[in-house]
Amino acid sequence: MTTTDPIRDVEDMVARARTAQKQFEANGSQALYDQAATAAAWAIMEPQRNKKLAKLAVETTGLGNVQDKITKNHRKTLGLMRDLQHAKTFGVVSSDKETGLTKIARPIGVIGAVVPSTNPGATPANNIINALKCGNAIVVSPSPKGIPTFKTLLDYIYAEFDKCGIDRDLVQMIPGRGSKEKTQRLLEISDMIVVTGSQNNVRRAYTSGTPALAVGAGNVTVIIDETADLTAAAQKISASKTFDNATSCSSENAIVVVDKIYEEFVAEMAKAGGALITDDTRIIEKLWVKGHLNPRAIAQDADKLIEALDLTDEVPANTQYIAVETSGIGPGHPLSGEKLSRVLAVYRAQNFETAIEVTRNIQLFQGAGHSVGIHSTDSARPLALANAIPTSRVIVNQAHTFATGGAFNNGMPFSLSMGCGSWGGNSIDDNLHWKHFMQTTKIVREIPNCEPKVEDVFRDYWAENGK
């Protein structure tokens, strides 16, 4: 029930969530937590609901495309449920006689979640499922444009909860139209906060005084070296770059192509729908308007993007994205940053070592800690890249968007929120997943004494350096 005081409304909502969570925990069992998480998952995955949510998301945000959002809602949720299937989040989760330690899973309490308009269904669903799996309640603050989609998803979740006898107050949405004041209060009074999206919200999360899991900005750069399978690389980059109209933080924003295979790769890129433009100034003038990304280009289908860039009569009819030759990096070169559109910056490098340098400079400008990629058949090069770049992930020979947030053919947890470590100003460098929504109580038992002798610890040091 809303009042005339929006801050009081948030406080009342969190209070109801806290009451529901305490009861959820008091009656808790692995079966109950699993049932609640599964109910929320089916709320978004049921095909007709999924389709409606995807259509509503595109209609109300103007971002992405319906079929890809259907795919995203399905695969991200299915992958998450696979990850959760055998996860122990209730009761004793481990007991080690050797160390004398027994760990008991405990909920965190009330999770406050701030989610973006780019994925107004999939991202909150992911957070909700993880929260419920670990015995928490969750209150969501969607972006203003994402409210209709999330409100519909919430109704679907409640319908599933009613079947199971689960308290609706375990999952709630900030009432009325979103505002910074209401979101700020949620950040302050939750037990933990999860923030995906706006870097302003991320900074507010980390300064709120509440434990926070907030993720950094993406600006993916991918190297194509002279050993790569160029046809496969071009096809994967095209599929990844165009998926959901580049709304993902894991969408390629720049590629760095080694000189030796540059022309050959450009030809393969063209076959896969990438039209190369060599005049970067012209694209910059159309893609940015008064210092901001052109809303006619952000996350739009190819035909609308091409029209916004005034390229209708200049690119092939089958063009799926625009590749722009450029060389500058930094604040005065906006193509080196995140573009949230089917526009890909293309850099040329003399050799692999130079390609690493270009990639590093792009990451230091924007996107540090998130992820980079490489297409190569040289098994040593991913390691060289990993050691040279301030990044949490190096994606090898894969379509970056599909790989970074978890895939059925790699080992990353399914997530829509990628931690960027200290490089990106984050507290985690993992994909946000269920373990981040749980804490443990440790029972500590006495074990046989295990105190080393001083000489055993320092013997090698003394031998080399003296006492």
Foldseek 3Di string as FASTA:
>chain_A
DDDPDLQVLLVVLLVLLQVQLVVCQVPDDLVQLQLLLVLLLCLCLVQVNVQVLLVLLCVLVVFFHRVLSSVLSHFLSVLQCVVLVPQDQAAWPDADPQQQKTKGWDFLEEEEEEDESLNLDRAVSQVLSLQSSNRYAYEYEYAQSSVVSVVSSLVSSVVSCVVVVRDSSSYYYSDDGGDPVNSLSSLQPGQEYEYEDDVVVVVSNVVNPHHYFYAFAAAAEEEEAPAFPLLLVLQLLLCLLPRRFQSASQRHLEYEYAPVCVVVSQVSNVVNQEAEDEPVVLQVPQQDDPRHGDPQFANDFPVSNCVSSVCVPPHDPSHGAYEYEDADAADVRPSLGDRNGRYYYYHYANHPVRSLVSSQRSCLRGRFQDEYEYGHPPVCVQVVSVVRHRYLYYHYSGNRNQPRQDHPPDDARHARGAHRPVRRPGPDRHGDGSVVRIDIDMDGDDDPDDDDDPCVVCVVVCVVPND
